[in-house]
Amino acid sequence: MPHLLTRADVEDLLDFGGAIACLEGAFQDQARASLTDPLR
């Protein structure tokens, strides 16, 4: 049986600042063409 996460579960687990920093780094890598996208 799957475990469904509630909004409160996600809020407790998510570090919003860390998520933003991760996305920012990924976009910077993509802009420098150092990020590779796997073939679909």
N, C-alpha and C. Protein backbone atom coordinates (compact mmCIF):
# COMPACT_ATOMS: atom_id res chain seq x y z
N MET A 1 0.84 -1.18 0.00
CA MET A 1 0.00 0.00 0.00
C MET A 1 0.90 1.25 0.00
N PRO A 2 0.65 2.19 -0.89
CA PRO A 2 1.49 3.40 -0.96
C PRO A 2 1.24 4.31 0.25
N HIS A 3 2.28 5.02 0.61
CA HIS A 3 2.16 6.02 1.69
C HIS A 3 1.96 7.38 1.03
N LEU A 4 0.84 8.00 1.31
CA LEU A 4 0.56 9.31 0.74
C LEU A 4 1.03 10.40 1.68
N LEU A 5 1.77 11.35 1.14
CA LEU A 5 2.27 12.45 1.95
C LEU A 5 1.25 13.57 2.00
N THR A 6 1.08 14.11 3.17
CA THR A 6 0.20 15.26 3.32
C THR A 6 1.01 16.53 3.08
N ARG A 7 0.32 17.63 2.96
CA ARG A 7 1.01 18.92 2.79
C ARG A 7 1.94 19.17 3.98
N ALA A 8 1.48 18.83 5.18
CA ALA A 8 2.29 19.03 6.39
C ALA A 8 3.55 18.16 6.33
N ASP A 9 3.43 16.93 5.83
CA ASP A 9 4.60 16.04 5.68
C ASP A 9 5.64 16.70 4.79
N VAL A 10 5.20 17.23 3.67
CA VAL A 10 6.11 17.84 2.70
C VAL A 10 6.74 19.10 3.29
N GLU A 11 5.95 19.90 3.96
CA GLU A 11 6.48 21.13 4.55
C GLU A 11 7.53 20.81 5.61
N ASP A 12 7.34 19.73 6.36
CA ASP A 12 8.31 19.32 7.38
C ASP A 12 9.61 18.83 6.74
N LEU A 13 9.52 18.22 5.57
CA LEU A 13 10.68 17.61 4.93
C LEU A 13 11.42 18.54 3.98
N LEU A 14 10.72 19.51 3.41
CA LEU A 14 11.29 20.35 2.38
C LEU A 14 12.05 21.53 2.97
N ASP A 15 13.28 21.68 2.54
CA ASP A 15 14.08 22.86 2.87
C ASP A 15 13.96 23.79 1.67
N PHE A 16 13.06 24.77 1.76
CA PHE A 16 12.75 25.61 0.61
C PHE A 16 13.99 26.35 0.10
N GLY A 17 14.79 26.88 1.00
CA GLY A 17 16.01 27.58 0.59
C GLY A 17 16.96 26.65 -0.14
N GLY A 18 17.09 25.42 0.35
CA GLY A 18 17.94 24.43 -0.30
C GLY A 18 17.42 24.04 -1.68
N ALA A 19 16.10 23.95 -1.80
CA ALA A 19 15.50 23.60 -3.09
C ALA A 19 15.76 24.71 -4.12
N ILE A 20 15.63 25.95 -3.69
CA ILE A 20 15.88 27.08 -4.59
C ILE A 20 17.35 27.10 -5.01
N ALA A 21 18.26 26.87 -4.07
CA ALA A 21 19.69 26.85 -4.38
C ALA A 21 20.02 25.73 -5.36
N CYS A 22 19.39 24.59 -5.20
CA CYS A 22 19.60 23.46 -6.11
C CYS A 22 19.12 23.81 -7.51
N LEU A 23 17.95 24.40 -7.63
CA LEU A 23 17.43 24.79 -8.94
C LEU A 23 18.31 25.86 -9.58
N GLU A 24 18.76 26.81 -8.77
CA GLU A 24 19.62 27.87 -9.29
C GLU A 24 20.91 27.28 -9.85
N GLY A 25 21.50 26.33 -9.13
CA GLY A 25 22.71 25.68 -9.61
C GLY A 25 22.48 24.90 -10.89
N ALA A 26 21.36 24.23 -10.98
CA ALA A 26 21.04 23.47 -12.20
C ALA A 26 20.87 24.39 -13.40
N PHE A 27 20.19 25.52 -13.19
CA PHE A 27 20.02 26.47 -14.30
C PHE A 27 21.35 27.09 -14.71
N GLN A 28 22.23 27.35 -13.75
CA GLN A 28 23.55 27.89 -14.08
C GLN A 28 24.37 26.86 -14.87
N ASP A 29 24.32 25.60 -14.44
CA ASP A 29 25.01 24.54 -15.18
C ASP A 29 24.48 24.42 -16.60
N GLN A 30 23.17 24.51 -16.75
CA GLN A 30 22.56 24.42 -18.07
C GLN A 30 23.00 25.60 -18.94
N ALA A 31 23.06 26.79 -18.36
CA ALA A 31 23.49 27.98 -19.12
C ALA A 31 24.93 27.86 -19.58
N ARG A 32 25.78 27.20 -18.77
CA ARG A 32 27.18 27.01 -19.14
C ARG A 32 27.37 25.78 -20.02
N ALA A 33 26.29 25.11 -20.35
CA ALA A 33 26.32 23.89 -21.16
C ALA A 33 27.11 22.78 -20.50
N SER A 34 27.19 22.81 -19.16
CA SER A 34 27.88 21.72 -18.46
C SER A 34 26.90 20.70 -17.88
N LEU A 35 25.65 20.92 -18.17
CA LEU A 35 24.59 20.00 -17.74
C LEU A 35 24.16 19.17 -18.93
N THR A 36 24.09 17.88 -18.77
CA THR A 36 23.65 17.04 -19.88
C THR A 36 22.27 16.48 -19.59
N ASP A 37 21.45 16.49 -20.59
CA ASP A 37 20.13 15.92 -20.54
C ASP A 37 20.18 14.50 -21.08
N PRO A 38 19.70 13.51 -20.35
CA PRO A 38 19.69 12.15 -20.91
C PRO A 38 18.73 12.09 -22.10
N LEU A 39 19.07 11.23 -23.03
CA LEU A 39 18.17 11.04 -24.19
C LEU A 39 16.87 10.44 -23.72
N ARG A 40 15.80 10.86 -24.32
CA ARG A 40 14.49 10.33 -23.95
C ARG A 40 14.10 9.22 -24.89
